[in-house]
Amino acid sequence: MDEKLTKELQQWLNTDAEKRDIATGVRLVRVLVRNQILANGFERLPKKYMKTVEYQLNKFLPMRLAKVTHEDVVRMSGKATLIASQRKLNAPLPGKDKTPVLKRIEKTEDFKLGKRPDHNRLPEEIQALYSENLSIMQNMRACHAQLILLSLPENQSSCPDGDRYPFVKELIDLDQRYHANWQKYDTYPPVDDEQ
């Protein structure tokens, strides 16, 4: 990864908006985004598109600071695809009613199977892990939906790693948290009936 480019990008974004060199911003977009039509539009009307240039470059900064390469994003995308397959994130939610999504997820048999018989007698923080996993699953579905949109044929040619990276990273992080929550919930010592 080109450290000089990363420093230049960071320096350009840290400069006050009024003092930024527009030509440098457009050049950085041309190098990072690789969408020549977009960069040509920025060059023709730089002041009009200054916010868009800033937005495009801001997408790349976290990835570059984390030293994530294209190969890393491809590897992470493969892992995210595996997670989506294992968690059945592609599967439609049961029911076509107007029940909120979290309630519909809670009704699925897979999720019910995870509830312990002594759930109501567990400490609140342990019970909360079960509920938190409902919202984590919803967030995982949302990330996966965004990745599907970015993978559509019409988006593939113009979808740089900077667009995919945040969703792939979040999906992997959510999956780790999901597993950690189940681990704590499942391994908590059983609560006696007598109390």
C-alpha atoms as a PDB file:
ATOM      1  CA  MET A   1       0.000   0.000   0.000  1.00  0.00           C
ATOM      2  CA  ASP A   2       1.300   3.420  -0.945  1.00  0.00           C
ATOM      3  CA  GLU A   3       1.921   5.214   2.374  1.00  0.00           C
ATOM      4  CA  LYS A   4       2.690   8.463   0.581  1.00  0.00           C
ATOM      5  CA  LEU A   5      -0.759   8.422  -1.051  1.00  0.00           C
ATOM      6  CA  THR A   6      -2.408   7.697   2.310  1.00  0.00           C
ATOM      7  CA  LYS A   7      -0.587  10.622   3.957  1.00  0.00           C
ATOM      8  CA  GLU A   8      -1.496  12.918   1.079  1.00  0.00           C
ATOM      9  CA  LEU A   9      -5.148  11.835   1.323  1.00  0.00           C
ATOM     10  CA  GLN A  10      -5.211  12.376   5.079  1.00  0.00           C
ATOM     11  CA  GLN A  11      -3.512  15.756   4.764  1.00  0.00           C
ATOM     12  CA  TRP A  12      -5.953  16.886   2.049  1.00  0.00           C
ATOM     13  CA  LEU A  13      -8.983  15.849   4.136  1.00  0.00           C
ATOM     14  CA  ASN A  14      -7.573  17.511   7.280  1.00  0.00           C
ATOM     15  CA  THR A  15      -7.093  20.830   5.475  1.00  0.00           C
ATOM     16  CA  ASP A  16      -9.863  23.411   5.861  1.00  0.00           C
ATOM     17  CA  ALA A  17     -12.389  23.142   3.028  1.00  0.00           C
ATOM     18  CA  GLU A  18     -11.686  26.718   1.847  1.00  0.00           C
ATOM     19  CA  LYS A  19      -7.926  26.098   1.632  1.00  0.00           C
ATOM     20  CA  ARG A  20      -7.991  22.760  -0.185  1.00  0.00           C
ATOM     21  CA  ASP A  21      -6.370  22.414  -3.585  1.00  0.00           C
ATOM     22  CA  ILE A  22      -9.214  21.172  -5.771  1.00  0.00           C
ATOM     23  CA  ALA A  23      -6.860  19.745  -8.407  1.00  0.00           C
ATOM     24  CA  THR A  24      -5.178  17.555  -5.786  1.00  0.00           C
ATOM     25  CA  GLY A  25      -8.551  16.264  -4.600  1.00  0.00           C
ATOM     26  CA  VAL A  26      -9.609  15.411  -8.142  1.00  0.00           C
ATOM     27  CA  ARG A  27      -6.278  13.644  -8.756  1.00  0.00           C
ATOM     28  CA  LEU A  28      -6.749  11.588  -5.584  1.00  0.00           C
ATOM     29  CA  VAL A  29     -10.259  10.624  -6.703  1.00  0.00           C
ATOM     30  CA  ARG A  30      -8.896   9.595 -10.107  1.00  0.00           C
ATOM     31  CA  VAL A  31      -6.281   7.354  -8.426  1.00  0.00           C
ATOM     32  CA  LEU A  32      -8.510   5.830  -5.728  1.00  0.00           C
ATOM     33  CA  VAL A  33     -11.932   5.566  -7.310  1.00  0.00           C
ATOM     34  CA  ARG A  34     -10.721   4.701 -10.806  1.00  0.00           C
ATOM     35  CA  ASN A  35     -13.994   6.010 -12.264  1.00  0.00           C
ATOM     36  CA  GLN A  36     -12.691   8.269 -15.022  1.00  0.00           C
ATOM     37  CA  ILE A  37     -16.132   9.625 -15.944  1.00  0.00           C
ATOM     38  CA  LEU A  38     -16.679  10.746 -12.369  1.00  0.00           C
ATOM     39  CA  ALA A  39     -13.198  12.294 -12.170  1.00  0.00           C
ATOM     40  CA  ASN A  40     -13.702  14.094 -15.512  1.00  0.00           C
ATOM     41  CA  GLY A  41     -16.904  15.645 -14.177  1.00  0.00           C
ATOM     42  CA  PHE A  42     -15.034  16.797 -11.073  1.00  0.00           C
ATOM     43  CA  GLU A  43     -12.326  18.385 -13.229  1.00  0.00           C
ATOM     44  CA  ARG A  44     -14.829  20.310 -15.355  1.00  0.00           C
ATOM     45  CA  LEU A  45     -16.814  21.720 -12.437  1.00  0.00           C
ATOM     46  CA  PRO A  46     -14.554  21.356  -9.389  1.00  0.00           C
ATOM     47  CA  LYS A  47     -16.292  23.859  -7.089  1.00  0.00           C
ATOM     48  CA  LYS A  48     -19.691  22.357  -7.764  1.00  0.00           C
ATOM     49  CA  TYR A  49     -18.502  18.850  -6.874  1.00  0.00           C
ATOM     50  CA  MET A  50     -16.194  19.680  -3.971  1.00  0.00           C
ATOM     51  CA  LYS A  51     -18.499  17.998  -1.404  1.00  0.00           C
ATOM     52  CA  THR A  52     -18.720  14.895  -3.603  1.00  0.00           C
ATOM     53  CA  VAL A  53     -14.927  14.761  -3.948  1.00  0.00           C
ATOM     54  CA  GLU A  54     -14.649  15.010  -0.172  1.00  0.00           C
ATOM     55  CA  TYR A  55     -17.279  12.272   0.281  1.00  0.00           C
ATOM     56  CA  GLN A  56     -15.512   9.942  -2.167  1.00  0.00           C
ATOM     57  CA  LEU A  57     -12.139  10.432  -0.494  1.00  0.00           C
ATOM     58  CA  ASN A  58     -13.566  10.018   3.018  1.00  0.00           C
ATOM     59  CA  LYS A  59     -14.705   6.510   2.082  1.00  0.00           C
ATOM     60  CA  PHE A  60     -11.104   5.457   1.462  1.00  0.00           C
ATOM     61  CA  LEU A  61      -9.372   6.990   4.466  1.00  0.00           C
ATOM     62  CA  PRO A  62     -10.411   4.429   7.147  1.00  0.00           C
ATOM     63  CA  MET A  63      -9.493   1.549   4.880  1.00  0.00           C
ATOM     64  CA  ARG A  64      -6.110   3.021   4.006  1.00  0.00           C
ATOM     65  CA  LEU A  65      -5.321   3.907   7.636  1.00  0.00           C
ATOM     66  CA  ALA A  66      -6.113   0.307   8.586  1.00  0.00           C
ATOM     67  CA  LYS A  67      -3.694  -0.744   5.812  1.00  0.00           C
ATOM     68  CA  VAL A  68      -6.354  -2.822   4.091  1.00  0.00           C
ATOM     69  CA  THR A  69      -5.473  -3.787   0.526  1.00  0.00           C
ATOM     70  CA  HIS A  70      -7.683  -4.895  -2.343  1.00  0.00           C
ATOM     71  CA  GLU A  71      -6.718  -8.504  -1.606  1.00  0.00           C
ATOM     72  CA  ASP A  72      -7.789  -8.035   2.026  1.00  0.00           C
ATOM     73  CA  VAL A  73     -11.190  -6.725   0.935  1.00  0.00           C
ATOM     74  CA  VAL A  74     -11.602  -9.684  -1.446  1.00  0.00           C
ATOM     75  CA  ARG A  75     -10.656 -12.098   1.368  1.00  0.00           C
ATOM     76  CA  MET A  76     -13.016 -10.363   3.797  1.00  0.00           C
ATOM     77  CA  SER A  77     -15.793 -10.439   1.185  1.00  0.00           C
ATOM     78  CA  GLY A  78     -15.345 -14.202   0.909  1.00  0.00           C
ATOM     79  CA  LYS A  79     -15.618 -14.509   4.678  1.00  0.00           C
ATOM     80  CA  ALA A  80     -18.736 -12.293   4.673  1.00  0.00           C
ATOM     81  CA  THR A  81     -20.299 -14.486   1.974  1.00  0.00           C
ATOM     82  CA  LEU A  82     -19.616 -17.571   4.089  1.00  0.00           C
ATOM     83  CA  ILE A  83     -21.169 -15.890   7.144  1.00  0.00           C
ATOM     84  CA  ALA A  84     -24.230 -14.913   5.095  1.00  0.00           C
ATOM     85  CA  SER A  85     -24.616 -18.491   3.921  1.00  0.00           C
ATOM     86  CA  GLN A  86     -24.177 -19.991   7.405  1.00  0.00           C
ATOM     87  CA  ARG A  87     -26.578 -17.513   9.036  1.00  0.00           C
ATOM     88  CA  LYS A  88     -29.067 -17.814   6.156  1.00  0.00           C
ATOM     89  CA  LEU A  89     -29.083 -14.039   5.737  1.00  0.00           C
ATOM     90  CA  ASN A  90     -30.472 -14.513   2.210  1.00  0.00           C
ATOM     91  CA  ALA A  91     -33.530 -16.369   3.467  1.00  0.00           C
ATOM     92  CA  PRO A  92     -36.740 -14.349   3.642  1.00  0.00           C
ATOM     93  CA  LEU A  93     -38.074 -13.667   7.075  1.00  0.00           C
ATOM     94  CA  PRO A  94     -41.072 -15.776   8.040  1.00  0.00           C
ATOM     95  CA  GLY A  95     -44.466 -14.172   7.674  1.00  0.00           C
ATOM     96  CA  LYS A  96     -45.606 -11.374   5.436  1.00  0.00           C
ATOM     97  CA  ASP A  97     -47.480  -9.576   8.173  1.00  0.00           C
ATOM     98  CA  LYS A  98     -46.756  -6.077   9.364  1.00  0.00           C
ATOM     99  CA  THR A  99     -45.091  -7.279  12.552  1.00  0.00           C
ATOM    100  CA  PRO A 100     -41.817  -5.442  13.175  1.00  0.00           C
ATOM    101  CA  VAL A 101     -38.762  -7.267  11.851  1.00  0.00           C
ATOM    102  CA  LEU A 102     -37.343  -8.006  15.317  1.00  0.00           C
ATOM    103  CA  LYS A 103     -40.589  -9.688  16.368  1.00  0.00           C
ATOM    104  CA  ARG A 104     -40.625 -11.771  13.161  1.00  0.00           C
ATOM    105  CA  ILE A 105     -37.028 -12.867  13.736  1.00  0.00           C
ATOM    106  CA  GLU A 106     -37.938 -13.811  17.294  1.00  0.00           C
ATOM    107  CA  LYS A 107     -40.719 -16.076  15.954  1.00  0.00           C
ATOM    108  CA  THR A 108     -38.421 -18.126  13.742  1.00  0.00           C
ATOM    109  CA  GLU A 109     -37.892 -21.680  14.915  1.00  0.00           C
ATOM    110  CA  ASP A 110     -34.098 -21.392  14.647  1.00  0.00           C
ATOM    111  CA  PHE A 111     -34.040 -18.525  17.080  1.00  0.00           C
ATOM    112  CA  LYS A 112     -36.523 -20.124  19.504  1.00  0.00           C
ATOM    113  CA  LEU A 113     -34.351 -23.223  19.675  1.00  0.00           C
ATOM    114  CA  GLY A 114     -31.597 -21.097  21.212  1.00  0.00           C
ATOM    115  CA  LYS A 115     -33.670 -19.988  24.208  1.00  0.00           C
ATOM    116  CA  ARG A 116     -32.823 -21.789  27.423  1.00  0.00           C
ATOM    117  CA  PRO A 117     -35.566 -23.367  29.560  1.00  0.00           C
ATOM    118  CA  ASP A 118     -34.341 -21.303  32.527  1.00  0.00           C
ATOM    119  CA  HIS A 119     -34.173 -18.074  30.491  1.00  0.00           C
ATOM    120  CA  ASN A 120     -36.607 -16.154  32.714  1.00  0.00           C
ATOM    121  CA  ARG A 121     -34.592 -16.987  35.836  1.00  0.00           C
ATOM    122  CA  LEU A 122     -31.230 -15.868  34.400  1.00  0.00           C
ATOM    123  CA  PRO A 123     -29.687 -12.553  35.462  1.00  0.00           C
ATOM    124  CA  GLU A 124     -30.846  -9.583  33.386  1.00  0.00           C
ATOM    125  CA  GLU A 125     -27.456  -9.069  31.728  1.00  0.00           C
ATOM    126  CA  ILE A 126     -27.482 -12.681  30.482  1.00  0.00           C
ATOM    127  CA  GLN A 127     -31.098 -12.404  29.287  1.00  0.00           C
ATOM    128  CA  ALA A 128     -30.106  -9.205  27.490  1.00  0.00           C
ATOM    129  CA  LEU A 129     -27.570 -11.150  25.383  1.00  0.00           C
ATOM    130  CA  TYR A 130     -30.426 -13.138  23.850  1.00  0.00           C
ATOM    131  CA  SER A 131     -32.327  -9.944  23.018  1.00  0.00           C
ATOM    132  CA  GLU A 132     -29.198  -8.221  21.739  1.00  0.00           C
ATOM    133  CA  ASN A 133     -28.636 -11.061  19.299  1.00  0.00           C
ATOM    134  CA  LEU A 134     -32.018 -10.293  17.754  1.00  0.00           C
ATOM    135  CA  SER A 135     -30.876  -6.785  16.825  1.00  0.00           C
ATOM    136  CA  ILE A 136     -27.421  -8.028  15.796  1.00  0.00           C
ATOM    137  CA  MET A 137     -29.086 -10.430  13.355  1.00  0.00           C
ATOM    138  CA  GLN A 138     -31.169  -7.578  11.957  1.00  0.00           C
ATOM    139  CA  ASN A 139     -28.018  -5.468  11.460  1.00  0.00           C
ATOM    140  CA  MET A 140     -26.269  -8.409   9.799  1.00  0.00           C
ATOM    141  CA  ARG A 141     -29.173  -8.705   7.361  1.00  0.00           C
ATOM    142  CA  ALA A 142     -28.954  -4.978   6.590  1.00  0.00           C
ATOM    143  CA  CYS A 143     -25.194  -5.200   5.915  1.00  0.00           C
ATOM    144  CA  HIS A 144     -25.707  -8.218   3.722  1.00  0.00           C
ATOM    145  CA  ALA A 145     -28.452  -6.425   1.770  1.00  0.00           C
ATOM    146  CA  GLN A 146     -26.055  -3.521   1.113  1.00  0.00           C
ATOM    147  CA  LEU A 147     -23.375  -5.942  -0.081  1.00  0.00           C
ATOM    148  CA  ILE A 148     -25.870  -7.570  -2.444  1.00  0.00           C
ATOM    149  CA  LEU A 149     -26.734  -4.156  -3.892  1.00  0.00           C
ATOM    150  CA  LEU A 150     -23.047  -3.381  -4.376  1.00  0.00           C
ATOM    151  CA  SER A 151     -22.573  -6.748  -6.100  1.00  0.00           C
ATOM    152  CA  LEU A 152     -25.263  -6.204  -8.737  1.00  0.00           C
ATOM    153  CA  PRO A 153     -23.824  -6.225 -12.281  1.00  0.00           C
ATOM    154  CA  GLU A 154     -24.608  -2.542 -12.835  1.00  0.00           C
ATOM    155  CA  ASN A 155     -22.646  -1.605  -9.681  1.00  0.00           C
ATOM    156  CA  GLN A 156     -19.663  -3.950  -9.977  1.00  0.00           C
ATOM    157  CA  SER A 157     -17.665  -1.869 -12.433  1.00  0.00           C
ATOM    158  CA  SER A 158     -18.027   1.314 -10.395  1.00  0.00           C
ATOM    159  CA  CYS A 159     -17.917  -0.205  -6.901  1.00  0.00           C
ATOM    160  CA  PRO A 160     -14.496   0.377  -5.383  1.00  0.00           C
ATOM    161  CA  ASP A 161     -13.208  -1.374  -2.298  1.00  0.00           C
ATOM    162  CA  GLY A 162     -13.892   1.783  -0.290  1.00  0.00           C
ATOM    163  CA  ASP A 163     -17.629   1.187  -0.765  1.00  0.00           C
ATOM    164  CA  ARG A 164     -17.560  -2.510   0.155  1.00  0.00           C
ATOM    165  CA  TYR A 165     -15.081  -2.395   3.035  1.00  0.00           C
ATOM    166  CA  PRO A 166     -17.318  -0.785   5.717  1.00  0.00           C
ATOM    167  CA  PHE A 167     -20.148  -3.272   5.161  1.00  0.00           C
ATOM    168  CA  VAL A 168     -17.881  -6.319   4.958  1.00  0.00           C
ATOM    169  CA  LYS A 169     -16.004  -5.270   8.098  1.00  0.00           C
ATOM    170  CA  GLU A 170     -19.227  -4.573  10.007  1.00  0.00           C
ATOM    171  CA  LEU A 171     -20.757  -7.909   9.000  1.00  0.00           C
ATOM    172  CA  ILE A 172     -17.681  -9.790  10.218  1.00  0.00           C
ATOM    173  CA  ASP A 173     -17.569  -7.786  13.479  1.00  0.00           C
ATOM    174  CA  LEU A 174     -21.289  -8.350  14.098  1.00  0.00           C
ATOM    175  CA  ASP A 175     -20.875 -12.072  13.520  1.00  0.00           C
ATOM    176  CA  GLN A 176     -18.058 -12.212  16.091  1.00  0.00           C
ATOM    177  CA  ARG A 177     -20.208 -10.353  18.621  1.00  0.00           C
ATOM    178  CA  TYR A 178     -23.154 -12.649  17.823  1.00  0.00           C
ATOM    179  CA  HIS A 179     -20.993 -15.721  18.563  1.00  0.00           C
ATOM    180  CA  ALA A 180     -19.560 -14.187  21.734  1.00  0.00           C
ATOM    181  CA  ASN A 181     -23.064 -13.416  23.031  1.00  0.00           C
ATOM    182  CA  TRP A 182     -24.259 -16.966  22.384  1.00  0.00           C
ATOM    183  CA  GLN A 183     -21.133 -18.341  24.039  1.00  0.00           C
ATOM    184  CA  LYS A 184     -21.795 -16.324  27.234  1.00  0.00           C
ATOM    185  CA  TYR A 185     -25.507 -17.142  27.167  1.00  0.00           C
ATOM    186  CA  ASP A 186     -25.060 -20.870  26.546  1.00  0.00           C
ATOM    187  CA  THR A 187     -22.240 -21.404  29.056  1.00  0.00           C
ATOM    188  CA  TYR A 188     -23.835 -19.513  31.947  1.00  0.00           C
ATOM    189  CA  PRO A 189     -24.404 -22.021  34.766  1.00  0.00           C
ATOM    190  CA  PRO A 190     -27.965 -23.364  34.964  1.00  0.00           C
ATOM    191  CA  VAL A 191     -30.265 -21.640  37.422  1.00  0.00           C
ATOM    192  CA  ASP A 192     -31.944 -23.922  39.976  1.00  0.00           C
ATOM    193  CA  ASP A 193     -35.729 -24.033  40.100  1.00  0.00           C
ATOM    194  CA  GLU A 194     -35.659 -23.570  43.851  1.00  0.00           C
ATOM    195  CA  GLN A 195     -35.296 -19.943  44.844  1.00  0.00           C
END
